C-alpha atoms as a PDB file:
ATOM      1  CA  MET A   1       0.000   0.000   0.000  1.00  0.00           C
ATOM      2  CA  LYS A   2       1.255   3.443  -0.898  1.00  0.00           C
ATOM      3  CA  LEU A   3       0.785   6.662   1.030  1.00  0.00           C
ATOM      4  CA  ALA A   4       1.966  10.002  -0.281  1.00  0.00           C
ATOM      5  CA  THR A   5       2.671  13.334   1.378  1.00  0.00           C
ATOM      6  CA  ILE A   6       2.687  16.718  -0.305  1.00  0.00           C
ATOM      7  CA  GLY A   7       3.320  20.320   0.682  1.00  0.00           C
ATOM      8  CA  TYR A   8       2.174  23.315  -1.322  1.00  0.00           C
ATOM      9  CA  GLU A   9       4.541  25.972   0.052  1.00  0.00           C
ATOM     10  CA  ALA A  10       6.357  26.687  -3.200  1.00  0.00           C
ATOM     11  CA  ALA A  11       3.813  25.655  -5.841  1.00  0.00           C
ATOM     12  CA  PRO A  12       0.652  27.029  -7.412  1.00  0.00           C
ATOM     13  CA  GLN A  13      -2.557  25.064  -6.936  1.00  0.00           C
ATOM     14  CA  ALA A  14      -2.619  23.749 -10.531  1.00  0.00           C
ATOM     15  CA  ALA A  15       0.882  22.287 -10.172  1.00  0.00           C
ATOM     16  CA  VAL A  16      -0.020  20.570  -6.883  1.00  0.00           C
ATOM     17  CA  ILE A  17      -3.174  19.066  -8.368  1.00  0.00           C
ATOM     18  CA  ARG A  18      -1.266  17.905 -11.446  1.00  0.00           C
ATOM     19  CA  LYS A  19       1.344  16.254  -9.219  1.00  0.00           C
ATOM     20  CA  LEU A  20      -1.404  14.495  -7.244  1.00  0.00           C
ATOM     21  CA  GLN A  21      -3.058  13.273 -10.436  1.00  0.00           C
ATOM     22  CA  ASP A  22       0.268  12.092 -11.899  1.00  0.00           C
ATOM     23  CA  ALA A  23       0.840  10.064  -8.720  1.00  0.00           C
ATOM     24  CA  GLY A  24      -2.607   8.456  -8.986  1.00  0.00           C
ATOM     25  CA  ILE A  25      -3.877  10.035  -5.756  1.00  0.00           C
ATOM     26  CA  GLU A  26      -7.564   9.343  -5.145  1.00  0.00           C
ATOM     27  CA  VAL A  27      -8.031  11.279  -1.908  1.00  0.00           C
ATOM     28  CA  VAL A  28      -6.215  14.168  -0.219  1.00  0.00           C
ATOM     29  CA  ILE A  29      -6.157  14.097   3.566  1.00  0.00           C
ATOM     30  CA  ASP A  30      -5.625  17.674   4.708  1.00  0.00           C
ATOM     31  CA  VAL A  31      -3.711  17.555   8.004  1.00  0.00           C
ATOM     32  CA  ARG A  32      -3.656  21.293   8.691  1.00  0.00           C
ATOM     33  CA  ALA A  33      -5.109  22.531  11.961  1.00  0.00           C
ATOM     34  CA  VAL A  34      -6.253  25.640  10.126  1.00  0.00           C
ATOM     35  CA  ALA A  35      -7.378  24.910   6.583  1.00  0.00           C
ATOM     36  CA  ALA A  36      -7.089  28.524   5.512  1.00  0.00           C
ATOM     37  CA  SER A  37      -4.178  29.816   3.512  1.00  0.00           C
ATOM     38  CA  ARG A  38      -2.765  33.079   2.256  1.00  0.00           C
ATOM     39  CA  ARG A  39      -1.651  31.116  -0.795  1.00  0.00           C
ATOM     40  CA  ALA A  40      -4.191  31.346  -3.598  1.00  0.00           C
ATOM     41  CA  GLY A  41      -6.246  28.200  -4.037  1.00  0.00           C
ATOM     42  CA  PHE A  42      -5.319  26.438  -0.824  1.00  0.00           C
ATOM     43  CA  SER A  43      -8.097  27.440   1.553  1.00  0.00           C
ATOM     44  CA  LYS A  44     -10.381  24.518   2.368  1.00  0.00           C
ATOM     45  CA  GLY A  45     -13.406  25.438   0.234  1.00  0.00           C
ATOM     46  CA  LEU A  46     -11.540  26.361  -2.920  1.00  0.00           C
ATOM     47  CA  LEU A  47      -9.055  23.513  -2.599  1.00  0.00           C
ATOM     48  CA  SER A  48     -11.822  20.981  -2.016  1.00  0.00           C
ATOM     49  CA  ALA A  49     -13.789  22.205  -5.058  1.00  0.00           C
ATOM     50  CA  SER A  50     -10.708  22.264  -7.288  1.00  0.00           C
ATOM     51  CA  LEU A  51      -9.721  18.759  -6.242  1.00  0.00           C
ATOM     52  CA  GLU A  52     -13.264  17.515  -6.846  1.00  0.00           C
ATOM     53  CA  ASP A  53     -13.162  19.027 -10.361  1.00  0.00           C
ATOM     54  CA  ALA A  54      -9.914  17.096 -10.905  1.00  0.00           C
ATOM     55  CA  GLY A  55     -11.454  13.816  -9.707  1.00  0.00           C
ATOM     56  CA  VAL A  56      -9.676  13.756  -6.342  1.00  0.00           C
ATOM     57  CA  ASP A  57     -11.606  13.500  -3.065  1.00  0.00           C
ATOM     58  CA  TYR A  58     -10.799  15.769  -0.118  1.00  0.00           C
ATOM     59  CA  VAL A  59     -11.009  15.122   3.626  1.00  0.00           C
ATOM     60  CA  HIS A  60      -9.965  17.598   6.309  1.00  0.00           C
ATOM     61  CA  LEU A  61      -8.794  15.963   9.552  1.00  0.00           C
ATOM     62  CA  ARG A  62      -8.233  19.051  11.682  1.00  0.00           C
ATOM     63  CA  ALA A  63      -7.151  17.116  14.784  1.00  0.00           C
ATOM     64  CA  LEU A  64      -4.093  15.892  12.839  1.00  0.00           C
ATOM     65  CA  GLY A  65      -2.873  19.454  12.487  1.00  0.00           C
ATOM     66  CA  THR A  66      -0.107  20.984  14.547  1.00  0.00           C
ATOM     67  CA  PRO A  67      -1.248  23.091  17.511  1.00  0.00           C
ATOM     68  CA  LYS A  68      -0.258  26.773  17.392  1.00  0.00           C
ATOM     69  CA  PRO A  69       2.884  26.391  19.586  1.00  0.00           C
ATOM     70  CA  GLY A  70       4.068  23.613  17.259  1.00  0.00           C
ATOM     71  CA  ARG A  71       3.471  25.743  14.167  1.00  0.00           C
ATOM     72  CA  GLU A  72       5.407  28.595  15.766  1.00  0.00           C
ATOM     73  CA  ALA A  73       8.323  26.271  16.579  1.00  0.00           C
ATOM     74  CA  ALA A  74       8.328  24.935  13.014  1.00  0.00           C
ATOM     75  CA  ARG A  75       8.364  28.461  11.533  1.00  0.00           C
ATOM     76  CA  LYS A  76      11.454  29.214  13.628  1.00  0.00           C
ATOM     77  CA  GLY A  77      13.177  26.024  12.460  1.00  0.00           C
ATOM     78  CA  ARG A  78      12.905  24.293  15.834  1.00  0.00           C
ATOM     79  CA  THR A  79      11.903  20.917  14.418  1.00  0.00           C
ATOM     80  CA  ALA A  80      12.640  18.920  17.576  1.00  0.00           C
ATOM     81  CA  GLU A  81      10.413  21.226  19.616  1.00  0.00           C
ATOM     82  CA  MET A  82       7.630  21.005  17.000  1.00  0.00           C
ATOM     83  CA  ARG A  83       7.924  17.232  17.009  1.00  0.00           C
ATOM     84  CA  ALA A  84       7.664  17.041  20.820  1.00  0.00           C
ATOM     85  CA  ILE A  85       4.612  19.309  20.837  1.00  0.00           C
ATOM     86  CA  PHE A  86       2.948  17.347  18.053  1.00  0.00           C
ATOM     87  CA  GLU A  87       3.729  13.947  19.605  1.00  0.00           C
ATOM     88  CA  GLU A  88       2.014  15.136  22.807  1.00  0.00           C
ATOM     89  CA  HIS A  89      -0.928  16.426  20.780  1.00  0.00           C
ATOM     90  CA  LEU A  90      -1.325  13.026  19.094  1.00  0.00           C
ATOM     91  CA  LYS A  91      -2.154  11.492  22.493  1.00  0.00           C
ATOM     92  CA  GLU A  92      -5.435  13.424  22.588  1.00  0.00           C
ATOM     93  CA  PRO A  93      -8.582  11.344  21.914  1.00  0.00           C
ATOM     94  CA  GLN A  94      -9.704  13.394  18.890  1.00  0.00           C
ATOM     95  CA  ALA A  95      -6.260  13.094  17.299  1.00  0.00           C
ATOM     96  CA  GLN A  96      -6.254   9.334  17.917  1.00  0.00           C
ATOM     97  CA  LEU A  97      -9.708   9.036  16.352  1.00  0.00           C
ATOM     98  CA  GLN A  98      -8.714  11.005  13.284  1.00  0.00           C
ATOM     99  CA  LEU A  99      -5.449   9.095  12.944  1.00  0.00           C
ATOM    100  CA  ALA A 100      -7.510   5.898  12.802  1.00  0.00           C
ATOM    101  CA  GLN A 101      -9.761   7.559  10.204  1.00  0.00           C
ATOM    102  CA  ALA A 102      -6.730   8.459   8.095  1.00  0.00           C
ATOM    103  CA  VAL A 103      -5.526   4.856   8.203  1.00  0.00           C
ATOM    104  CA  GLU A 104      -8.955   3.589   7.132  1.00  0.00           C
ATOM    105  CA  ILE A 105      -9.142   6.074   4.262  1.00  0.00           C
ATOM    106  CA  ALA A 106      -5.636   5.212   3.038  1.00  0.00           C
ATOM    107  CA  ARG A 107      -6.281   1.473   3.387  1.00  0.00           C
ATOM    108  CA  ASP A 108      -8.881   1.603   0.635  1.00  0.00           C
ATOM    109  CA  ARG A 109      -7.650   4.381  -1.665  1.00  0.00           C
ATOM    110  CA  LYS A 110      -4.331   5.928  -2.620  1.00  0.00           C
ATOM    111  CA  ALA A 111      -4.094   8.927  -0.306  1.00  0.00           C
ATOM    112  CA  ALA A 112      -1.846  11.937   0.105  1.00  0.00           C
ATOM    113  CA  LEU A 113      -1.341  13.827   3.370  1.00  0.00           C
ATOM    114  CA  LEU A 114      -1.368  17.548   2.585  1.00  0.00           C
ATOM    115  CA  CYS A 115       0.196  20.377   4.556  1.00  0.00           C
ATOM    116  CA  PHE A 116       1.930  23.686   3.825  1.00  0.00           C
ATOM    117  CA  CYS A 117       5.612  22.766   4.259  1.00  0.00           C
ATOM    118  CA  ALA A 118       7.498  22.016   1.051  1.00  0.00           C
ATOM    119  CA  GLU A 119       9.884  19.604   2.790  1.00  0.00           C
ATOM    120  CA  ALA A 120       8.273  16.645   4.542  1.00  0.00           C
ATOM    121  CA  ARG A 121      11.241  15.864   6.794  1.00  0.00           C
ATOM    122  CA  GLY A 122      10.642  18.921   8.983  1.00  0.00           C
ATOM    123  CA  CYS A 123       6.851  18.795   8.795  1.00  0.00           C
ATOM    124  CA  HIS A 124       4.337  17.184  11.116  1.00  0.00           C
ATOM    125  CA  ARG A 125       2.831  15.290   8.154  1.00  0.00           C
ATOM    126  CA  ARG A 126       5.908  13.052   8.287  1.00  0.00           C
ATOM    127  CA  ILE A 127       4.978  12.171  11.886  1.00  0.00           C
ATOM    128  CA  VAL A 128       1.393  11.423  10.812  1.00  0.00           C
ATOM    129  CA  ALA A 129       2.738   9.168   8.062  1.00  0.00           C
ATOM    130  CA  GLU A 130       5.036   7.394  10.538  1.00  0.00           C
ATOM    131  CA  ARG A 131       2.109   6.756  12.887  1.00  0.00           C
ATOM    132  CA  MET A 132      -0.010   5.464  10.027  1.00  0.00           C
ATOM    133  CA  CYS A 133       2.803   3.066   9.124  1.00  0.00           C
ATOM    134  CA  GLU A 134       2.634   1.673  12.660  1.00  0.00           C
ATOM    135  CA  ALA A 135      -0.937   0.579  11.899  1.00  0.00           C
ATOM    136  CA  LEU A 136      -0.424  -0.674   8.337  1.00  0.00           C
ATOM    137  CA  PRO A 137       2.664  -1.296   6.188  1.00  0.00           C
ATOM    138  CA  PHE A 138       2.367   1.790   3.967  1.00  0.00           C
ATOM    139  CA  GLU A 139       5.160   2.694   1.590  1.00  0.00           C
ATOM    140  CA  VAL A 140       5.519   6.461   1.970  1.00  0.00           C
ATOM    141  CA  GLU A 141       6.404   8.707  -0.940  1.00  0.00           C
ATOM    142  CA  ASP A 142       6.973  12.438  -0.568  1.00  0.00           C
ATOM    143  CA  LEU A 143       5.675  14.139  -3.706  1.00  0.00           C
END
């Protein structure tokens, strides 16, 4: 089973959607705590509609987003601090429930975890992918 991750930090919406389509992604799992964006085309409503037009489903799992202190740490390049904050956040019941939902979604369809960060290695979506791999043997690809 394959699981992808993608960040839109440095790309226009059309390029991100094209990349998702080229990878055969059937559903995008948005793992942002706040699904609003200053980047054109990446706020929840517009992104969801654009993905639907492209034949890709969209699910927003807000509880798999980084809490504000974690986002602030990430912006300052303090990846270890962000990771510690996010790992603690993942212990919360709603985060556990949505992590299980993400696994179920990705079990049946080729999914991509979406967040802002261009590089997955310093992003919380990598942690989500790691946790999903603990449940099922996904092969993770960073798009």
